[in-house]
PDB file of N, CA and C in Angstrom:
ATOM      1  N   MET A   1      53.123  91.808 112.462  1.00  0.00           N
ATOM      2  CA  MET A   1      52.242  92.798 112.558  1.00  0.00           C
ATOM      3  C   MET A   1      52.887  93.975 113.890  1.00  0.00           C
ATOM      4  N   LYS A   2      52.931  94.439 113.964  1.00  0.00           N
ATOM      5  CA  LYS A   2      53.286  96.042 114.339  1.00  0.00           C
ATOM      6  C   LYS A   2      53.016  95.648 115.997  1.00  0.00           C
ATOM      7  N   ASN A   3      54.307  96.684 116.881  1.00  0.00           N
ATOM      8  CA  ASN A   3      54.143  96.509 117.814  1.00  0.00           C
ATOM      9  C   ASN A   3      55.498  97.815 118.864  1.00  0.00           C
ATOM     10  N   HIS A   4      54.529  97.007 120.000  1.00  0.00           N
ATOM     11  CA  HIS A   4      55.112  99.004 121.267  1.00  0.00           C
ATOM     12  C   HIS A   4      56.146  98.845 122.204  1.00  0.00           C
ATOM     13  N   LEU A   5      56.703  97.013 121.907  1.00  0.00           N
ATOM     14  CA  LEU A   5      58.199  96.434 122.578  1.00  0.00           C
ATOM     15  C   LEU A   5      59.022  97.418 122.876  1.00  0.00           C
ATOM     16  N   LYS A   6      59.507  98.102 122.228  1.00  0.00           N
ATOM     17  CA  LYS A   6      60.742  98.674 122.215  1.00  0.00           C
ATOM     18  C   LYS A   6      60.849  99.547 122.947  1.00  0.00           C
ATOM     19  N   ALA A   7      59.341 100.284 122.629  1.00  0.00           N
ATOM     20  CA  ALA A   7      59.071 101.373 123.741  1.00  0.00           C
ATOM     21  C   ALA A   7      59.540 101.381 124.822  1.00  0.00           C
ATOM     22  N   LEU A   8      58.208 100.110 125.328  1.00  0.00           N
ATOM     23  CA  LEU A   8      57.647 100.559 126.529  1.00  0.00           C
ATOM     24  C   LEU A   8      58.807  99.679 127.296  1.00  0.00           C
ATOM     25  N   ARG A   9      59.756  98.861 126.745  1.00  0.00           N
ATOM     26  CA  ARG A   9      60.700  98.076 127.472  1.00  0.00           C
ATOM     27  C   ARG A   9      61.371  99.659 127.603  1.00  0.00           C
ATOM     28  N   ALA A  10      61.976 100.241 127.080  1.00  0.00           N
ATOM     29  CA  ALA A  10      63.059 101.318 126.913  1.00  0.00           C
ATOM     30  C   ALA A  10      62.491 102.200 128.014  1.00  0.00           C
ATOM     31  N   ASP A  11      60.619 102.260 128.397  1.00  0.00           N
ATOM     32  CA  ASP A  11      59.876 103.114 128.996  1.00  0.00           C
ATOM     33  C   ASP A  11      60.484 102.827 131.116  1.00  0.00           C
ATOM     34  N   ARG A  12      60.579 102.209 130.790  1.00  0.00           N
ATOM     35  CA  ARG A  12      60.811 100.418 131.883  1.00  0.00           C
ATOM     36  C   ARG A  12      62.555 100.481 132.401  1.00  0.00           C
ATOM     37  N   GLY A  13      62.913 100.930 131.100  1.00  0.00           N
ATOM     38  CA  GLY A  13      64.633 100.645 131.543  1.00  0.00           C
ATOM     39  C   GLY A  13      65.162  99.455 131.844  1.00  0.00           C
ATOM     40  N   TRP A  14      64.230  98.128 130.938  1.00  0.00           N
ATOM     41  CA  TRP A  14      64.655  96.674 130.922  1.00  0.00           C
ATOM     42  C   TRP A  14      65.666  96.748 129.912  1.00  0.00           C
ATOM     43  N   SER A  15      66.253  96.098 129.913  1.00  0.00           N
ATOM     44  CA  SER A  15      67.509  96.148 128.965  1.00  0.00           C
ATOM     45  C   SER A  15      66.563  94.863 127.704  1.00  0.00           C
ATOM     46  N   GLN A  16      67.036  94.669 126.331  1.00  0.00           N
ATOM     47  CA  GLN A  16      66.938  93.072 125.951  1.00  0.00           C
ATOM     48  C   GLN A  16      66.932  92.018 126.926  1.00  0.00           C
ATOM     49  N   ALA A  17      67.884  91.655 127.536  1.00  0.00           N
ATOM     50  CA  ALA A  17      68.421  91.143 127.851  1.00  0.00           C
ATOM     51  C   ALA A  17      67.642  90.395 128.926  1.00  0.00           C
ATOM     52  N   ALA A  18      67.218  91.427 130.009  1.00  0.00           N
ATOM     53  CA  ALA A  18      66.553  91.316 130.881  1.00  0.00           C
ATOM     54  C   ALA A  18      65.373  90.583 130.785  1.00  0.00           C
ATOM     55  N   LEU A  19      64.535  91.403 129.554  1.00  0.00           N
ATOM     56  CA  LEU A  19      62.816  90.884 128.942  1.00  0.00           C
ATOM     57  C   LEU A  19      63.181  89.560 128.892  1.00  0.00           C
ATOM     58  N   ALA A  20      64.071  88.943 128.174  1.00  0.00           N
ATOM     59  CA  ALA A  20      64.240  88.071 127.340  1.00  0.00           C
ATOM     60  C   ALA A  20      64.461  86.988 128.625  1.00  0.00           C
ATOM     61  N   GLU A  21      64.862  87.067 129.748  1.00  0.00           N
ATOM     62  CA  GLU A  21      64.929  86.606 131.096  1.00  0.00           C
ATOM     63  C   GLU A  21      63.555  86.147 131.200  1.00  0.00           C
ATOM     64  N   MET A  22      62.997  87.492 131.803  1.00  0.00           N
ATOM     65  CA  MET A  22      61.484  87.216 132.368  1.00  0.00           C
ATOM     66  C   MET A  22      60.926  86.178 131.697  1.00  0.00           C
ATOM     67  N   LEU A  23      60.918  86.600 129.891  1.00  0.00           N
ATOM     68  CA  LEU A  23      59.615  85.958 129.089  1.00  0.00           C
ATOM     69  C   LEU A  23      60.400  84.304 128.404  1.00  0.00           C
ATOM     70  N   ASP A  24      61.811  84.024 129.558  1.00  0.00           N
ATOM     71  CA  ASP A  24      62.182  82.800 129.181  1.00  0.00           C
ATOM     72  C   ASP A  24      62.497  82.694 127.366  1.00  0.00           C
ATOM     73  N   VAL A  25      62.966  83.161 126.988  1.00  0.00           N
ATOM     74  CA  VAL A  25      62.851  83.286 125.461  1.00  0.00           C
ATOM     75  C   VAL A  25      64.376  83.831 125.451  1.00  0.00           C
ATOM     76  N   SER A  26      64.962  83.896 124.051  1.00  0.00           N
ATOM     77  CA  SER A  26      66.416  84.228 123.870  1.00  0.00           C
ATOM     78  C   SER A  26      66.494  85.961 123.755  1.00  0.00           C
ATOM     79  N   ARG A  27      67.709  86.555 124.160  1.00  0.00           N
ATOM     80  CA  ARG A  27      67.722  87.341 123.596  1.00  0.00           C
ATOM     81  C   ARG A  27      67.740  87.796 122.291  1.00  0.00           C
ATOM     82  N   GLN A  28      67.567  87.407 121.120  1.00  0.00           N
ATOM     83  CA  GLN A  28      67.844  87.165 119.564  1.00  0.00           C
ATOM     84  C   GLN A  28      65.674  87.024 119.437  1.00  0.00           C
ATOM     85  N   THR A  29      65.381  86.732 120.441  1.00  0.00           N
ATOM     86  CA  THR A  29      63.532  86.265 120.200  1.00  0.00           C
ATOM     87  C   THR A  29      63.437  88.290 120.574  1.00  0.00           C
ATOM     88  N   VAL A  30      63.731  88.477 121.400  1.00  0.00           N
ATOM     89  CA  VAL A  30      62.968  89.507 121.870  1.00  0.00           C
ATOM     90  C   VAL A  30      63.486  90.501 120.846  1.00  0.00           C
ATOM     91  N   ILE A  31      64.419  90.443 120.225  1.00  0.00           N
ATOM     92  CA  ILE A  31      65.035  91.499 118.984  1.00  0.00           C
ATOM     93  C   ILE A  31      63.980  91.284 117.868  1.00  0.00           C
ATOM     94  N   SER A  32      64.020  89.901 117.214  1.00  0.00           N
ATOM     95  CA  SER A  32      63.207  89.626 115.944  1.00  0.00           C
ATOM     96  C   SER A  32      61.575  90.553 116.447  1.00  0.00           C
ATOM     97  N   ILE A  33      61.476  89.807 117.633  1.00  0.00           N
ATOM     98  CA  ILE A  33      59.613  91.222 118.426  1.00  0.00           C
ATOM     99  C   ILE A  33      59.877  92.000 117.440  1.00  0.00           C
ATOM    100  N   GLU A  34      60.756  93.096 118.921  1.00  0.00           N
ATOM    101  CA  GLU A  34      61.037  94.228 118.438  1.00  0.00           C
ATOM    102  C   GLU A  34      60.965  94.641 116.830  1.00  0.00           C
ATOM    103  N   ASN A  35      61.545  94.320 116.305  1.00  0.00           N
ATOM    104  CA  ASN A  35      61.830  94.681 114.848  1.00  0.00           C
ATOM    105  C   ASN A  35      60.890  94.297 113.778  1.00  0.00           C
ATOM    106  N   GLY A  36      59.920  93.906 114.228  1.00  0.00           N
ATOM    107  CA  GLY A  36      58.411  92.809 113.860  1.00  0.00           C
ATOM    108  C   GLY A  36      58.671  91.681 112.860  1.00  0.00           C
ATOM    109  N   LYS A  37      60.311  91.057 112.915  1.00  0.00           N
ATOM    110  CA  LYS A  37      60.562  89.974 111.877  1.00  0.00           C
ATOM    111  C   LYS A  37      59.809  88.699 112.997  1.00  0.00           C
ATOM    112  N   TYR A  38      59.418  88.569 113.657  1.00  0.00           N
ATOM    113  CA  TYR A  38      58.702  87.519 113.884  1.00  0.00           C
ATOM    114  C   TYR A  38      57.776  87.646 115.121  1.00  0.00           C
ATOM    115  N   ASP A  39      56.993  86.299 115.325  1.00  0.00           N
ATOM    116  CA  ASP A  39      55.686  87.118 115.701  1.00  0.00           C
ATOM    117  C   ASP A  39      55.523  86.684 116.652  1.00  0.00           C
ATOM    118  N   PRO A  40      55.024  86.506 117.862  1.00  0.00           N
ATOM    119  CA  PRO A  40      54.811  85.726 119.426  1.00  0.00           C
ATOM    120  C   PRO A  40      54.181  84.965 118.993  1.00  0.00           C
ATOM    121  N   SER A  41      53.972  83.505 119.494  1.00  0.00           N
ATOM    122  CA  SER A  41      53.086  82.937 120.164  1.00  0.00           C
ATOM    123  C   SER A  41      51.987  83.414 120.179  1.00  0.00           C
ATOM    124  N   LEU A  42      50.873  82.689 120.585  1.00  0.00           N
ATOM    125  CA  LEU A  42      49.446  83.574 122.099  1.00  0.00           C
ATOM    126  C   LEU A  42      50.168  83.000 123.223  1.00  0.00           C
ATOM    127  N   PRO A  43      50.851  81.543 123.625  1.00  0.00           N
ATOM    128  CA  PRO A  43      50.780  81.863 125.400  1.00  0.00           C
ATOM    129  C   PRO A  43      52.219  83.243 125.499  1.00  0.00           C
ATOM    130  N   LEU A  44      53.075  83.553 124.583  1.00  0.00           N
ATOM    131  CA  LEU A  44      54.640  84.410 124.471  1.00  0.00           C
ATOM    132  C   LEU A  44      53.886  85.834 125.043  1.00  0.00           C
ATOM    133  N   ALA A  45      52.858  85.991 123.854  1.00  0.00           N
ATOM    134  CA  ALA A  45      52.087  87.012 124.007  1.00  0.00           C
ATOM    135  C   ALA A  45      51.719  87.930 125.284  1.00  0.00           C
ATOM    136  N   PHE A  46      51.089  86.260 125.497  1.00  0.00           N
ATOM    137  CA  PHE A  46      50.881  86.608 126.779  1.00  0.00           C
ATOM    138  C   PHE A  46      51.506  86.865 128.257  1.00  0.00           C
ATOM    139  N   LYS A  47      52.379  85.872 127.822  1.00  0.00           N
ATOM    140  CA  LYS A  47      53.750  86.513 129.429  1.00  0.00           C
ATOM    141  C   LYS A  47      54.161  87.474 128.164  1.00  0.00           C
ATOM    142  N   ILE A  48      54.024  88.282 127.627  1.00  0.00           N
ATOM    143  CA  ILE A  48      54.623  89.812 127.260  1.00  0.00           C
ATOM    144  C   ILE A  48      53.450  90.358 128.184  1.00  0.00           C
ATOM    145  N   ALA A  49      52.271  90.801 127.943  1.00  0.00           N
ATOM    146  CA  ALA A  49      51.237  91.371 128.526  1.00  0.00           C
ATOM    147  C   ALA A  49      51.496  91.802 130.225  1.00  0.00           C
ATOM    148  N   ARG A  50      51.420  90.439 130.296  1.00  0.00           N
ATOM    149  CA  ARG A  50      51.707  89.930 132.059  1.00  0.00           C
ATOM    150  C   ARG A  50      52.926  90.436 132.659  1.00  0.00           C
ATOM    151  N   ALA A  51      54.417  90.850 132.192  1.00  0.00           N
ATOM    152  CA  ALA A  51      54.887  91.272 132.516  1.00  0.00           C
ATOM    153  C   ALA A  51      55.181  92.871 132.382  1.00  0.00           C
ATOM    154  N   PHE A  52      54.319  93.337 131.231  1.00  0.00           N
ATOM    155  CA  PHE A  52      54.699  95.038 131.028  1.00  0.00           C
ATOM    156  C   PHE A  52      52.845  95.066 131.846  1.00  0.00           C
ATOM    157  N   GLY A  53      52.032  94.225 132.396  1.00  0.00           N
ATOM    158  CA  GLY A  53      50.826  94.686 133.131  1.00  0.00           C
ATOM    159  C   GLY A  53      49.291  96.034 132.268  1.00  0.00           C
ATOM    160  N   MET A  54      49.566  95.060 131.689  1.00  0.00           N
ATOM    161  CA  MET A  54      48.921  95.638 129.467  1.00  0.00           C
ATOM    162  C   MET A  54      48.017  94.844 129.173  1.00  0.00           C
ATOM    163  N   PRO A  55      47.584  94.803 128.313  1.00  0.00           N
ATOM    164  CA  PRO A  55      46.162  94.019 127.828  1.00  0.00           C
ATOM    165  C   PRO A  55      47.382  94.044 126.248  1.00  0.00           C
ATOM    166  N   ILE A  56      47.179  92.447 125.699  1.00  0.00           N
ATOM    167  CA  ILE A  56      47.927  92.418 124.646  1.00  0.00           C
ATOM    168  C   ILE A  56      47.537  93.478 122.870  1.00  0.00           C
ATOM    169  N   GLU A  57      46.159  94.032 123.353  1.00  0.00           N
ATOM    170  CA  GLU A  57      46.114  94.551 122.601  1.00  0.00           C
ATOM    171  C   GLU A  57      46.929  96.624 122.473  1.00  0.00           C
ATOM    172  N   GLU A  58      47.480  96.642 123.941  1.00  0.00           N
ATOM    173  CA  GLU A  58      48.086  97.987 123.943  1.00  0.00           C
ATOM    174  C   GLU A  58      49.392  97.698 123.721  1.00  0.00           C
ATOM    175  N   ILE A  59      49.698  96.758 123.462  1.00  0.00           N
ATOM    176  CA  ILE A  59      50.791  96.121 122.775  1.00  0.00           C
ATOM    177  C   ILE A  59      51.604  95.810 121.599  1.00  0.00           C
ATOM    178  N   PHE A  60      50.540  94.624 121.457  1.00  0.00           N
ATOM    179  CA  PHE A  60      50.094  94.569 119.604  1.00  0.00           C
ATOM    180  C   PHE A  60      49.827  95.193 118.759  1.00  0.00           C
ATOM    181  N   ASP A  61      49.591  95.864 117.500  1.00  0.00           N
ATOM    182  CA  ASP A  61      49.022  95.989 116.523  1.00  0.00           C
ATOM    183  C   ASP A  61      48.497  95.202 115.430  1.00  0.00           C
ATOM    184  N   ASP A  62      47.446  94.902 115.050  1.00  0.00           N
ATOM    185  CA  ASP A  62      47.253  93.450 114.148  1.00  0.00           C
ATOM    186  C   ASP A  62      46.363  93.876 112.955  1.00  0.00           C
ATOM    187  N   THR A  63      46.446  95.707 112.850  1.00  0.00           N
ATOM    188  CA  THR A  63      45.377  95.970 111.688  1.00  0.00           C
ATOM    189  C   THR A  63      46.191  96.241 110.877  1.00  0.00           C
ATOM    190  N   PRO A  64      46.265  96.470 109.353  1.00  0.00           N
ATOM    191  CA  PRO A  64      46.990  96.219 108.151  1.00  0.00           C
ATOM    192  C   PRO A  64      47.883  97.602 108.523  1.00  0.00           C
TER     193      PRO A  64
END
């Protein structure tokens, strides 16, 4: 699944470590999501959306 996490995080000046702490996950998890190697669980996707104050659909793109 494609996502805009890296760009959104950079726009806010957040480090991967800072975002990981906000989401209560490891920095490696953030890296894996940003690189498209890991799709977050639904609860984690909601946490990410809340952290950015955006709908999930604006962060994650599920089109093939």
